[in-house]
């Protein structure tokens, strides 16, 4: 996943976190930007 995509729709984090036995590795590639749409900065930078 991308940092901007996760912040656009955090419901995936909420759903995965609610399923303790879900075999999922969620990898977020964080470059701080929407690279494929022109490199706009991701407006929010939570941990």
ModelCIF file with pLDDT and N, C-alpha, C, O atoms, coordinates in Angstrom:
data_MODEL
#
_entry.id   MODEL 
#
_entity.id                         1 
_entity.type                       polymer 
_entity.pdbx_number_of_molecules   1 
#
_entity_poly.entity_id                      1 
_entity_poly.type                           'polypeptide(L)' 
_entity_poly.nstd_linkage                   no 
_entity_poly.nstd_monomer                   no 
_entity_poly.pdbx_seq_one_letter_code       
;(UNK)(UNK)(UNK)(UNK)(UNK)(UNK)(UNK)(UNK)(UNK)(UNK)(UNK)(UNK)(UNK)(UNK)(UNK)(UNK)
(UNK)(UNK)(UNK)(UNK)(UNK)(UNK)(UNK)(UNK)(UNK)(UNK)(UNK)(UNK)(UNK)(UNK)(UNK)(UNK)
(UNK)(UNK)(UNK)(UNK)(UNK)(UNK)(UNK)(UNK)(UNK)(UNK)(UNK)(UNK)(UNK)(UNK)(UNK)
;
_entity_poly.pdbx_seq_one_letter_code_can   XXXXXXXXXXXXXXXXXXXXXXXXXXXXXXXXXXXXXXXXXXXXXXX 
_entity_poly.pdbx_strand_id                 A 
#
loop_
_entity_poly_seq.entity_id 
_entity_poly_seq.num 
_entity_poly_seq.mon_id 
_entity_poly_seq.hetero 
1 1  UNK n 
1 2  UNK n 
1 3  UNK n 
1 4  UNK n 
1 5  UNK n 
1 6  UNK n 
1 7  UNK n 
1 8  UNK n 
1 9  UNK n 
1 10 UNK n 
1 11 UNK n 
1 12 UNK n 
1 13 UNK n 
1 14 UNK n 
1 15 UNK n 
1 16 UNK n 
1 17 UNK n 
1 18 UNK n 
1 19 UNK n 
1 20 UNK n 
1 21 UNK n 
1 22 UNK n 
1 23 UNK n 
1 24 UNK n 
1 25 UNK n 
1 26 UNK n 
1 27 UNK n 
1 28 UNK n 
1 29 UNK n 
1 30 UNK n 
1 31 UNK n 
1 32 UNK n 
1 33 UNK n 
1 34 UNK n 
1 35 UNK n 
1 36 UNK n 
1 37 UNK n 
1 38 UNK n 
1 39 UNK n 
1 40 UNK n 
1 41 UNK n 
1 42 UNK n 
1 43 UNK n 
1 44 UNK n 
1 45 UNK n 
1 46 UNK n 
1 47 UNK n 
#
_struct_asym.id          A 
_struct_asym.entity_id   1 
#
loop_
_ma_qa_metric.id 
_ma_qa_metric.mode 
_ma_qa_metric.name 
_ma_qa_metric.software_group_id 
_ma_qa_metric.type 
1 global pLDDT . pLDDT 
2 local  pLDDT . pLDDT 
#
_ma_qa_metric_global.metric_id      1 
_ma_qa_metric_global.metric_value   87.11 
_ma_qa_metric_global.model_id       1 
_ma_qa_metric_global.ordinal_id     1 
#
loop_
_ma_qa_metric_local.label_asym_id 
_ma_qa_metric_local.label_comp_id 
_ma_qa_metric_local.label_seq_id 
_ma_qa_metric_local.metric_id 
_ma_qa_metric_local.metric_value 
_ma_qa_metric_local.model_id 
_ma_qa_metric_local.ordinal_id 
A UNK 1  2 96.00 1 1  
A UNK 2  2 93.00 1 2  
A UNK 3  2 92.00 1 3  
A UNK 4  2 89.00 1 4  
A UNK 5  2 91.00 1 5  
A UNK 6  2 93.00 1 6  
A UNK 7  2 90.00 1 7  
A UNK 8  2 88.00 1 8  
A UNK 9  2 91.00 1 9  
A UNK 10 2 94.00 1 10 
A UNK 11 2 95.00 1 11 
A UNK 12 2 95.00 1 12 
A UNK 13 2 97.00 1 13 
A UNK 14 2 97.00 1 14 
A UNK 15 2 97.00 1 15 
A UNK 16 2 97.00 1 16 
A UNK 17 2 97.00 1 17 
A UNK 18 2 97.00 1 18 
A UNK 19 2 97.00 1 19 
A UNK 20 2 95.00 1 20 
A UNK 21 2 97.00 1 21 
A UNK 22 2 98.00 1 22 
A UNK 23 2 98.00 1 23 
A UNK 24 2 98.00 1 24 
A UNK 25 2 98.00 1 25 
A UNK 26 2 98.00 1 26 
A UNK 27 2 98.00 1 27 
A UNK 28 2 97.00 1 28 
A UNK 29 2 96.00 1 29 
A UNK 30 2 94.00 1 30 
A UNK 31 2 87.00 1 31 
A UNK 32 2 75.00 1 32 
A UNK 33 2 64.00 1 33 
A UNK 34 2 63.00 1 34 
A UNK 35 2 64.00 1 35 
A UNK 36 2 65.00 1 36 
A UNK 37 2 69.00 1 37 
A UNK 38 2 63.00 1 38 
A UNK 39 2 64.00 1 39 
A UNK 40 2 67.00 1 40 
A UNK 41 2 69.00 1 41 
A UNK 42 2 76.00 1 42 
A UNK 43 2 76.00 1 43 
A UNK 44 2 74.00 1 44 
A UNK 45 2 82.00 1 45 
A UNK 46 2 89.00 1 46 
A UNK 47 2 94.00 1 47 
#
loop_
_atom_site.group_PDB 
_atom_site.id 
_atom_site.type_symbol 
_atom_site.label_atom_id 
_atom_site.label_alt_id 
_atom_site.label_comp_id 
_atom_site.label_asym_id 
_atom_site.label_entity_id 
_atom_site.label_seq_id 
_atom_site.pdbx_PDB_ins_code 
_atom_site.Cartn_x 
_atom_site.Cartn_y 
_atom_site.Cartn_z 
_atom_site.occupancy 
_atom_site.B_iso_or_equiv 
_atom_site.pdbx_formal_charge 
_atom_site.auth_seq_id 
_atom_site.auth_comp_id 
_atom_site.auth_asym_id 
_atom_site.auth_atom_id 
_atom_site.pdbx_PDB_model_num 
ATOM 1   N N  . UNK A 1 1  ? 0.839   -1.187  0.000   1.00 96.00 ? 1  UNK A N  1 
ATOM 2   C CA . UNK A 1 1  ? 0.000   0.000   0.000   1.00 96.00 ? 1  UNK A CA 1 
ATOM 3   C C  . UNK A 1 1  ? 0.879   1.244   0.000   1.00 96.00 ? 1  UNK A C  1 
ATOM 4   O O  . UNK A 1 1  ? 2.097   1.159   0.156   1.00 96.00 ? 1  UNK A O  1 
ATOM 5   N N  . UNK A 1 2  ? 0.256   2.380   -0.174  1.00 93.00 ? 2  UNK A N  1 
ATOM 6   C CA . UNK A 1 2  ? 0.960   3.653   -0.085  1.00 93.00 ? 2  UNK A CA 1 
ATOM 7   C C  . UNK A 1 2  ? 0.448   4.453   1.094   1.00 93.00 ? 2  UNK A C  1 
ATOM 8   O O  . UNK A 1 2  ? -0.666  4.232   1.568   1.00 93.00 ? 2  UNK A O  1 
ATOM 9   N N  . UNK A 1 3  ? 1.264   5.385   1.568   1.00 92.00 ? 3  UNK A N  1 
ATOM 10  C CA . UNK A 1 3  ? 0.856   6.201   2.709   1.00 92.00 ? 3  UNK A CA 1 
ATOM 11  C C  . UNK A 1 3  ? -0.382  7.025   2.377   1.00 92.00 ? 3  UNK A C  1 
ATOM 12  O O  . UNK A 1 3  ? -1.297  7.110   3.196   1.00 92.00 ? 3  UNK A O  1 
ATOM 13  N N  . UNK A 1 4  ? -0.429  7.621   1.215   1.00 89.00 ? 4  UNK A N  1 
ATOM 14  C CA . UNK A 1 4  ? -1.591  8.407   0.827   1.00 89.00 ? 4  UNK A CA 1 
ATOM 15  C C  . UNK A 1 4  ? -2.838  7.567   0.686   1.00 89.00 ? 4  UNK A C  1 
ATOM 16  O O  . UNK A 1 4  ? -3.927  8.003   1.060   1.00 89.00 ? 4  UNK A O  1 
ATOM 17  N N  . UNK A 1 5  ? -2.696  6.365   0.149   1.00 91.00 ? 5  UNK A N  1 
ATOM 18  C CA . UNK A 1 5  ? -3.843  5.470   -0.023  1.00 91.00 ? 5  UNK A CA 1 
ATOM 19  C C  . UNK A 1 5  ? -4.400  5.032   1.326   1.00 91.00 ? 5  UNK A C  1 
ATOM 20  O O  . UNK A 1 5  ? -5.617  4.981   1.507   1.00 91.00 ? 5  UNK A O  1 
ATOM 21  N N  . UNK A 1 6  ? -3.526  4.718   2.269   1.00 93.00 ? 6  UNK A N  1 
ATOM 22  C CA . UNK A 1 6  ? -3.974  4.318   3.604   1.00 93.00 ? 6  UNK A CA 1 
ATOM 23  C C  . UNK A 1 6  ? -4.729  5.455   4.283   1.00 93.00 ? 6  UNK A C  1 
ATOM 24  O O  . UNK A 1 6  ? -5.761  5.238   4.919   1.00 93.00 ? 6  UNK A O  1 
ATOM 25  N N  . UNK A 1 7  ? -4.208  6.658   4.141   1.00 90.00 ? 7  UNK A N  1 
ATOM 26  C CA . UNK A 1 7  ? -4.861  7.794   4.782   1.00 90.00 ? 7  UNK A CA 1 
ATOM 27  C C  . UNK A 1 7  ? -6.152  8.187   4.068   1.00 90.00 ? 7  UNK A C  1 
ATOM 28  O O  . UNK A 1 7  ? -7.046  8.779   4.674   1.00 90.00 ? 7  UNK A O  1 
ATOM 29  N N  . UNK A 1 8  ? -6.246  7.857   2.785   1.00 88.00 ? 8  UNK A N  1 
ATOM 30  C CA . UNK A 1 8  ? -7.469  8.130   2.043   1.00 88.00 ? 8  UNK A CA 1 
ATOM 31  C C  . UNK A 1 8  ? -8.615  7.247   2.531   1.00 88.00 ? 8  UNK A C  1 
ATOM 32  O O  . UNK A 1 8  ? -9.776  7.658   2.526   1.00 88.00 ? 8  UNK A O  1 
ATOM 33  N N  . UNK A 1 9  ? -8.275  6.028   2.951   1.00 91.00 ? 9  UNK A N  1 
ATOM 34  C CA . UNK A 1 9  ? -9.305  5.090   3.376   1.00 91.00 ? 9  UNK A CA 1 
ATOM 35  C C  . UNK A 1 9  ? -8.768  4.195   4.494   1.00 91.00 ? 9  UNK A C  1 
ATOM 36  O O  . UNK A 1 9  ? -8.369  3.061   4.229   1.00 91.00 ? 9  UNK A O  1 
ATOM 37  N N  . UNK A 1 10 ? -8.751  4.674   5.720   1.00 94.00 ? 10 UNK A N  1 
ATOM 38  C CA . UNK A 1 10 ? -8.182  3.888   6.821   1.00 94.00 ? 10 UNK A CA 1 
ATOM 39  C C  . UNK A 1 10 ? -9.063  2.738   7.302   1.00 94.00 ? 10 UNK A C  1 
ATOM 40  O O  . UNK A 1 10 ? -8.710  2.060   8.267   1.00 94.00 ? 10 UNK A O  1 
ATOM 41  N N  . UNK A 1 11 ? -10.199 2.506   6.652   1.00 95.00 ? 11 UNK A N  1 
ATOM 42  C CA . UNK A 1 11 ? -11.080 1.424   7.106   1.00 95.00 ? 11 UNK A CA 1 
ATOM 43  C C  . UNK A 1 11 ? -10.383 0.061   7.028   1.00 95.00 ? 11 UNK A C  1 
ATOM 44  O O  . UNK A 1 11 ? -10.704 -0.836  7.808   1.00 95.00 ? 11 UNK A O  1 
ATOM 45  N N  . UNK A 1 12 ? -9.438  -0.106  6.103   1.00 95.00 ? 12 UNK A N  1 
ATOM 46  C CA . UNK A 1 12 ? -8.698  -1.368  6.028   1.00 95.00 ? 12 UNK A CA 1 
ATOM 47  C C  . UNK A 1 12 ? -7.900  -1.634  7.290   1.00 95.00 ? 12 UNK A C  1 
ATOM 48  O O  . UNK A 1 12 ? -7.833  -2.771  7.757   1.00 95.00 ? 12 UNK A O  1 
ATOM 49  N N  . UNK A 1 13 ? -7.294  -0.591  7.846   1.00 97.00 ? 13 UNK A N  1 
ATOM 50  C CA . UNK A 1 13 ? -6.560  -0.750  9.111   1.00 97.00 ? 13 UNK A CA 1 
ATOM 51  C C  . UNK A 1 13 ? -7.507  -1.181  10.224  1.00 97.00 ? 13 UNK A C  1 
ATOM 52  O O  . UNK A 1 13 ? -7.196  -2.078  11.008  1.00 97.00 ? 13 UNK A O  1 
ATOM 53  N N  . UNK A 1 14 ? -8.653  -0.536  10.282  1.00 97.00 ? 14 UNK A N  1 
ATOM 54  C CA . UNK A 1 14 ? -9.636  -0.836  11.324  1.00 97.00 ? 14 UNK A CA 1 
ATOM 55  C C  . UNK A 1 14 ? -10.147 -2.267  11.184  1.00 97.00 ? 14 UNK A C  1 
ATOM 56  O O  . UNK A 1 14 ? -10.249 -2.995  12.172  1.00 97.00 ? 14 UNK A O  1 
ATOM 57  N N  . UNK A 1 15 ? -10.466 -2.665  9.955   1.00 97.00 ? 15 UNK A N  1 
ATOM 58  C CA . UNK A 1 15 ? -11.002 -4.004  9.716   1.00 97.00 ? 15 UNK A CA 1 
ATOM 59  C C  . UNK A 1 15 ? -9.964  -5.082  10.014  1.00 97.00 ? 15 UNK A C  1 
ATOM 60  O O  . UNK A 1 15 ? -10.264 -6.051  10.712  1.00 97.00 ? 15 UNK A O  1 
ATOM 61  N N  . UNK A 1 16 ? -8.746  -4.924  9.494   1.00 97.00 ? 16 UNK A N  1 
ATOM 62  C CA . UNK A 1 16 ? -7.698  -5.928  9.737   1.00 97.00 ? 16 UNK A CA 1 
ATOM 63  C C  . UNK A 1 16 ? -7.383  -6.033  11.214  1.00 97.00 ? 16 UNK A C  1 
ATOM 64  O O  . UNK A 1 16 ? -7.219  -7.134  11.740  1.00 97.00 ? 16 UNK A O  1 
ATOM 65  N N  . UNK A 1 17 ? -7.297  -4.901  11.883  1.00 97.00 ? 17 UNK A N  1 
ATOM 66  C CA . UNK A 1 17 ? -6.970  -4.896  13.303  1.00 97.00 ? 17 UNK A CA 1 
ATOM 67  C C  . UNK A 1 17 ? -8.015  -5.572  14.163  1.00 97.00 ? 17 UNK A C  1 
ATOM 68  O O  . UNK A 1 17 ? -7.717  -6.004  15.277  1.00 97.00 ? 17 UNK A O  1 
ATOM 69  N N  . UNK A 1 18 ? -9.232  -5.670  13.665  1.00 97.00 ? 18 UNK A N  1 
ATOM 70  C CA . UNK A 1 18 ? -10.317 -6.308  14.420  1.00 97.00 ? 18 UNK A CA 1 
ATOM 71  C C  . UNK A 1 18 ? -10.323 -7.827  14.269  1.00 97.00 ? 18 UNK A C  1 
ATOM 72  O O  . UNK A 1 18 ? -11.105 -8.505  14.935  1.00 97.00 ? 18 UNK A O  1 
ATOM 73  N N  . UNK A 1 19 ? -9.468  -8.371  13.408  1.00 97.00 ? 19 UNK A N  1 
ATOM 74  C CA . UNK A 1 19 ? -9.446  -9.819  13.143  1.00 97.00 ? 19 UNK A CA 1 
ATOM 75  C C  . UNK A 1 19 ? -8.097  -10.391 13.576  1.00 97.00 ? 19 UNK A C  1 
ATOM 76  O O  . UNK A 1 19 ? -7.146  -10.406 12.794  1.00 97.00 ? 19 UNK A O  1 
ATOM 77  N N  . UNK A 1 20 ? -8.018  -10.856 14.803  1.00 95.00 ? 20 UNK A N  1 
ATOM 78  C CA . UNK A 1 20 ? -6.760  -11.329 15.372  1.00 95.00 ? 20 UNK A CA 1 
ATOM 79  C C  . UNK A 1 20 ? -6.141  -12.502 14.623  1.00 95.00 ? 20 UNK A C  1 
ATOM 80  O O  . UNK A 1 20 ? -4.923  -12.674 14.669  1.00 95.00 ? 20 UNK A O  1 
ATOM 81  N N  . UNK A 1 21 ? -6.940  -13.312 13.936  1.00 97.00 ? 21 UNK A N  1 
ATOM 82  C CA . UNK A 1 21 ? -6.392  -14.478 13.251  1.00 97.00 ? 21 UNK A CA 1 
ATOM 83  C C  . UNK A 1 21 ? -6.321  -14.295 11.736  1.00 97.00 ? 21 UNK A C  1 
ATOM 84  O O  . UNK A 1 21 ? -6.312  -15.283 11.001  1.00 97.00 ? 21 UNK A O  1 
ATOM 85  N N  . UNK A 1 22 ? -6.271  -13.070 11.262  1.00 98.00 ? 22 UNK A N  1 
ATOM 86  C CA . UNK A 1 22 ? -6.189  -12.775 9.835   1.00 98.00 ? 22 UNK A CA 1 
ATOM 87  C C  . UNK A 1 22 ? -4.736  -12.875 9.369   1.00 98.00 ? 22 UNK A C  1 
ATOM 88  O O  . UNK A 1 22 ? -3.886  -12.137 9.868   1.00 98.00 ? 22 UNK A O  1 
ATOM 89  N N  . UNK A 1 23 ? -4.428  -13.775 8.420   1.00 98.00 ? 23 UNK A N  1 
ATOM 90  C CA . UNK A 1 23 ? -3.044  -13.921 7.953   1.00 98.00 ? 23 UNK A CA 1 
ATOM 91  C C  . UNK A 1 23 ? -2.692  -12.849 6.911   1.00 98.00 ? 23 UNK A C  1 
ATOM 92  O O  . UNK A 1 23 ? -2.679  -13.121 5.711   1.00 98.00 ? 23 UNK A O  1 
ATOM 93  N N  . UNK A 1 24 ? -2.413  -11.648 7.377   1.00 98.00 ? 24 UNK A N  1 
ATOM 94  C CA . UNK A 1 24 ? -2.209  -10.502 6.490   1.00 98.00 ? 24 UNK A CA 1 
ATOM 95  C C  . UNK A 1 24 ? -0.940  -9.752  6.873   1.00 98.00 ? 24 UNK A C  1 
ATOM 96  O O  . UNK A 1 24 ? -0.721  -9.434  8.042   1.00 98.00 ? 24 UNK A O  1 
ATOM 97  N N  . UNK A 1 25 ? -0.117  -9.476  5.884   1.00 98.00 ? 25 UNK A N  1 
ATOM 98  C CA . UNK A 1 25 ? 1.035   -8.584  6.059   1.00 98.00 ? 25 UNK A CA 1 
ATOM 99  C C  . UNK A 1 25 ? 0.727   -7.319  5.261   1.00 98.00 ? 25 UNK A C  1 
ATOM 100 O O  . UNK A 1 25 ? 0.677   -7.349  4.032   1.00 98.00 ? 25 UNK A O  1 
ATOM 101 N N  . UNK A 1 26 ? 0.523   -6.223  5.962   1.00 98.00 ? 26 UNK A N  1 
ATOM 102 C CA . UNK A 1 26 ? 0.157   -4.938  5.347   1.00 98.00 ? 26 UNK A CA 1 
ATOM 103 C C  . UNK A 1 26 ? 1.405   -4.063  5.330   1.00 98.00 ? 26 UNK A C  1 
ATOM 104 O O  . UNK A 1 26 ? 1.854   -3.572  6.365   1.00 98.00 ? 26 UNK A O  1 
ATOM 105 N N  . UNK A 1 27 ? 1.951   -3.882  4.140   1.00 98.00 ? 27 UNK A N  1 
ATOM 106 C CA . UNK A 1 27 ? 3.190   -3.132  3.956   1.00 98.00 ? 27 UNK A CA 1 
ATOM 107 C C  . UNK A 1 27 ? 2.833   -1.770  3.383   1.00 98.00 ? 27 UNK A C  1 
ATOM 108 O O  . UNK A 1 27 ? 2.211   -1.681  2.324   1.00 98.00 ? 27 UNK A O  1 
ATOM 109 N N  . UNK A 1 28 ? 3.222   -0.712  4.076   1.00 97.00 ? 28 UNK A N  1 
ATOM 110 C CA . UNK A 1 28 ? 2.942   0.638   3.596   1.00 97.00 ? 28 UNK A CA 1 
ATOM 111 C C  . UNK A 1 28 ? 4.245   1.299   3.175   1.00 97.00 ? 28 UNK A C  1 
ATOM 112 O O  . UNK A 1 28 ? 5.163   1.474   3.977   1.00 97.00 ? 28 UNK A O  1 
ATOM 113 N N  . UNK A 1 29 ? 4.305   1.663   1.896   1.00 96.00 ? 29 UNK A N  1 
ATOM 114 C CA . UNK A 1 29 ? 5.457   2.356   1.339   1.00 96.00 ? 29 UNK A CA 1 
ATOM 115 C C  . UNK A 1 29 ? 5.211   3.855   1.494   1.00 96.00 ? 29 UNK A C  1 
ATOM 116 O O  . UNK A 1 29 ? 4.341   4.421   0.832   1.00 96.00 ? 29 UNK A O  1 
ATOM 117 N N  . UNK A 1 30 ? 5.973   4.485   2.359   1.00 94.00 ? 30 UNK A N  1 
ATOM 118 C CA . UNK A 1 30 ? 5.738   5.880   2.744   1.00 94.00 ? 30 UNK A CA 1 
ATOM 119 C C  . UNK A 1 30 ? 6.784   6.802   2.136   1.00 94.00 ? 30 UNK A C  1 
ATOM 120 O O  . UNK A 1 30 ? 7.912   6.900   2.621   1.00 94.00 ? 30 UNK A O  1 
ATOM 121 N N  . UNK A 1 31 ? 6.381   7.478   1.058   1.00 87.00 ? 31 UNK A N  1 
ATOM 122 C CA . UNK A 1 31 ? 7.255   8.475   0.450   1.00 87.00 ? 31 UNK A CA 1 
ATOM 123 C C  . UNK A 1 31 ? 6.752   9.898   0.676   1.00 87.00 ? 31 UNK A C  1 
ATOM 124 O O  . UNK A 1 31 ? 7.346   10.855  0.179   1.00 87.00 ? 31 UNK A O  1 
ATOM 125 N N  . UNK A 1 32 ? 5.653   10.037  1.428   1.00 75.00 ? 32 UNK A N  1 
ATOM 126 C CA . UNK A 1 32 ? 5.133   11.351  1.761   1.00 75.00 ? 32 UNK A CA 1 
ATOM 127 C C  . UNK A 1 32 ? 4.446   12.071  0.625   1.00 75.00 ? 32 UNK A C  1 
ATOM 128 O O  . UNK A 1 32 ? 4.177   13.270  0.712   1.00 75.00 ? 32 UNK A O  1 
ATOM 129 N N  . UNK A 1 33 ? 4.156   11.338  -0.453  1.00 64.00 ? 33 UNK A N  1 
ATOM 130 C CA . UNK A 1 33 ? 3.536   12.006  -1.599  1.00 64.00 ? 33 UNK A CA 1 
ATOM 131 C C  . UNK A 1 33 ? 2.620   11.081  -2.379  1.00 64.00 ? 33 UNK A C  1 
ATOM 132 O O  . UNK A 1 33 ? 2.687   9.858   -2.255  1.00 64.00 ? 33 UNK A O  1 
ATOM 133 N N  . UNK A 1 34 ? 1.772   11.685  -3.176  1.00 63.00 ? 34 UNK A N  1 
ATOM 134 C CA . UNK A 1 34 ? 0.962   10.957  -4.153  1.00 63.00 ? 34 UNK A CA 1 
ATOM 135 C C  . UNK A 1 34 ? 1.782   10.933  -5.439  1.00 63.00 ? 34 UNK A C  1 
ATOM 136 O O  . UNK A 1 34 ? 1.530   11.704  -6.365  1.00 63.00 ? 34 UNK A O  1 
ATOM 137 N N  . UNK A 1 35 ? 2.757   10.047  -5.484  1.00 64.00 ? 35 UNK A N  1 
ATOM 138 C CA . UNK A 1 35 ? 3.760   10.058  -6.555  1.00 64.00 ? 35 UNK A CA 1 
ATOM 139 C C  . UNK A 1 35 ? 3.152   9.866   -7.941  1.00 64.00 ? 35 UNK A C  1 
ATOM 140 O O  . UNK A 1 35 ? 3.545   10.551  -8.885  1.00 64.00 ? 35 UNK A O  1 
ATOM 141 N N  . UNK A 1 36 ? 2.205   8.950   -8.077  1.00 65.00 ? 36 UNK A N  1 
ATOM 142 C CA . UNK A 1 36 ? 1.699   8.626   -9.411  1.00 65.00 ? 36 UNK A CA 1 
ATOM 143 C C  . UNK A 1 36 ? 0.696   9.637   -9.956  1.00 65.00 ? 36 UNK A C  1 
ATOM 144 O O  . UNK A 1 36 ? 0.301   9.548   -11.119 1.00 65.00 ? 36 UNK A O  1 
ATOM 145 N N  . UNK A 1 37 ? 0.281   10.598  -9.131  1.00 69.00 ? 37 UNK A N  1 
ATOM 146 C CA . UNK A 1 37 ? -0.641  11.621  -9.635  1.00 69.00 ? 37 UNK A CA 1 
ATOM 147 C C  . UNK A 1 37 ? 0.018   12.988  -9.731  1.00 69.00 ? 37 UNK A C  1 
ATOM 148 O O  . UNK A 1 37 ? -0.675  13.990  -9.909  1.00 69.00 ? 37 UNK A O  1 
ATOM 149 N N  . UNK A 1 38 ? 1.332   13.053  -9.618  1.00 63.00 ? 38 UNK A N  1 
ATOM 150 C CA . UNK A 1 38 ? 2.027   14.311  -9.795  1.00 63.00 ? 38 UNK A CA 1 
ATOM 151 C C  . UNK A 1 38 ? 2.935   14.713  -8.660  1.00 63.00 ? 38 UNK A C  1 
ATOM 152 O O  . UNK A 1 38 ? 3.544   15.782  -8.709  1.00 63.00 ? 38 UNK A O  1 
ATOM 153 N N  . UNK A 1 39 ? 3.044   13.881  -7.634  1.00 64.00 ? 39 UNK A N  1 
ATOM 154 C CA . UNK A 1 39 ? 3.961   14.163  -6.539  1.00 64.00 ? 39 UNK A CA 1 
ATOM 155 C C  . UNK A 1 39 ? 3.443   15.134  -5.494  1.00 64.00 ? 39 UNK A C  1 
ATOM 156 O O  . UNK A 1 39 ? 4.227   15.725  -4.750  1.00 64.00 ? 39 UNK A O  1 
ATOM 157 N N  . UNK A 1 40 ? 2.119   15.306  -5.430  1.00 67.00 ? 40 UNK A N  1 
ATOM 158 C CA . UNK A 1 40 ? 1.559   16.178  -4.395  1.00 67.00 ? 40 UNK A CA 1 
ATOM 159 C C  . UNK A 1 40 ? 1.881   15.597  -3.019  1.00 67.00 ? 40 UNK A C  1 
ATOM 160 O O  . UNK A 1 40 ? 1.883   14.381  -2.833  1.00 67.00 ? 40 UNK A O  1 
ATOM 161 N N  . UNK A 1 41 ? 2.154   16.484  -2.057  1.00 69.00 ? 41 UNK A N  1 
ATOM 162 C CA . UNK A 1 41 ? 2.451   16.045  -0.696  1.00 69.00 ? 41 UNK A CA 1 
ATOM 163 C C  . UNK A 1 41 ? 1.199   15.467  -0.044  1.00 69.00 ? 41 UNK A C  1 
ATOM 164 O O  . UNK A 1 41 ? 0.100   15.995  -0.210  1.00 69.00 ? 41 UNK A O  1 
ATOM 165 N N  . UNK A 1 42 ? 1.378   14.380  0.696   1.00 76.00 ? 42 UNK A N  1 
ATOM 166 C CA . UNK A 1 42 ? 0.278   13.841  1.492   1.00 76.00 ? 42 UNK A CA 1 
ATOM 167 C C  . UNK A 1 42 ? 0.023   14.878  2.588   1.00 76.00 ? 42 UNK A C  1 
ATOM 168 O O  . UNK A 1 42 ? 0.942   15.218  3.334   1.00 76.00 ? 42 UNK A O  1 
ATOM 169 N N  . UNK A 1 43 ? -1.216  15.387  2.698   1.00 76.00 ? 43 UNK A N  1 
ATOM 170 C CA . UNK A 1 43 ? -1.465  16.528  3.576   1.00 76.00 ? 43 UNK A CA 1 
ATOM 171 C C  . UNK A 1 43 ? -1.380  16.252  5.072   1.00 76.00 ? 43 UNK A C  1 
ATOM 172 O O  . UNK A 1 43 ? -1.156  17.181  5.848   1.00 76.00 ? 43 UNK A O  1 
ATOM 173 N N  . UNK A 1 44 ? -1.547  15.038  5.487   1.00 74.00 ? 44 UNK A N  1 
ATOM 174 C CA . UNK A 1 44 ? -1.523  14.701  6.911   1.00 74.00 ? 44 UNK A CA 1 
ATOM 175 C C  . UNK A 1 44 ? -0.427  13.683  7.142   1.00 74.00 ? 44 UNK A C  1 
ATOM 176 O O  . UNK A 1 44 ? -0.277  12.755  6.347   1.00 74.00 ? 44 UNK A O  1 
ATOM 177 N N  . UNK A 1 45 ? 0.344   13.829  8.208   1.00 82.00 ? 45 UNK A N  1 
ATOM 178 C CA . UNK A 1 45 ? 1.478   12.941  8.446   1.00 82.00 ? 45 UNK A CA 1 
ATOM 179 C C  . UNK A 1 45 ? 1.395   12.285  9.822   1.00 82.00 ? 45 UNK A C  1 
ATOM 180 O O  . UNK A 1 45 ? 2.289   12.481  10.645  1.00 82.00 ? 45 UNK A O  1 
ATOM 181 N N  . UNK A 1 46 ? 0.339   11.508  10.093  1.00 89.00 ? 46 UNK A N  1 
ATOM 182 C CA . UNK A 1 46 ? 0.282   10.835  11.392  1.00 89.00 ? 46 UNK A CA 1 
ATOM 183 C C  . UNK A 1 46 ? 1.320   9.717   11.465  1.00 89.00 ? 46 UNK A C  1 
ATOM 184 O O  . UNK A 1 46 ? 1.864   9.300   10.442  1.00 89.00 ? 46 UNK A O  1 
ATOM 185 N N  . UNK A 1 47 ? 1.586   9.244   12.653  1.00 94.00 ? 47 UNK A N  1 
ATOM 186 C CA . UNK A 1 47 ? 2.463   8.089   12.859  1.00 94.00 ? 47 UNK A CA 1 
ATOM 187 C C  . UNK A 1 47 ? 1.680   6.860   12.415  1.00 94.00 ? 47 UNK A C  1 
ATOM 188 O O  . UNK A 1 47 ? 2.192   5.743   12.484  1.00 94.00 ? 47 UNK A O  1 
#
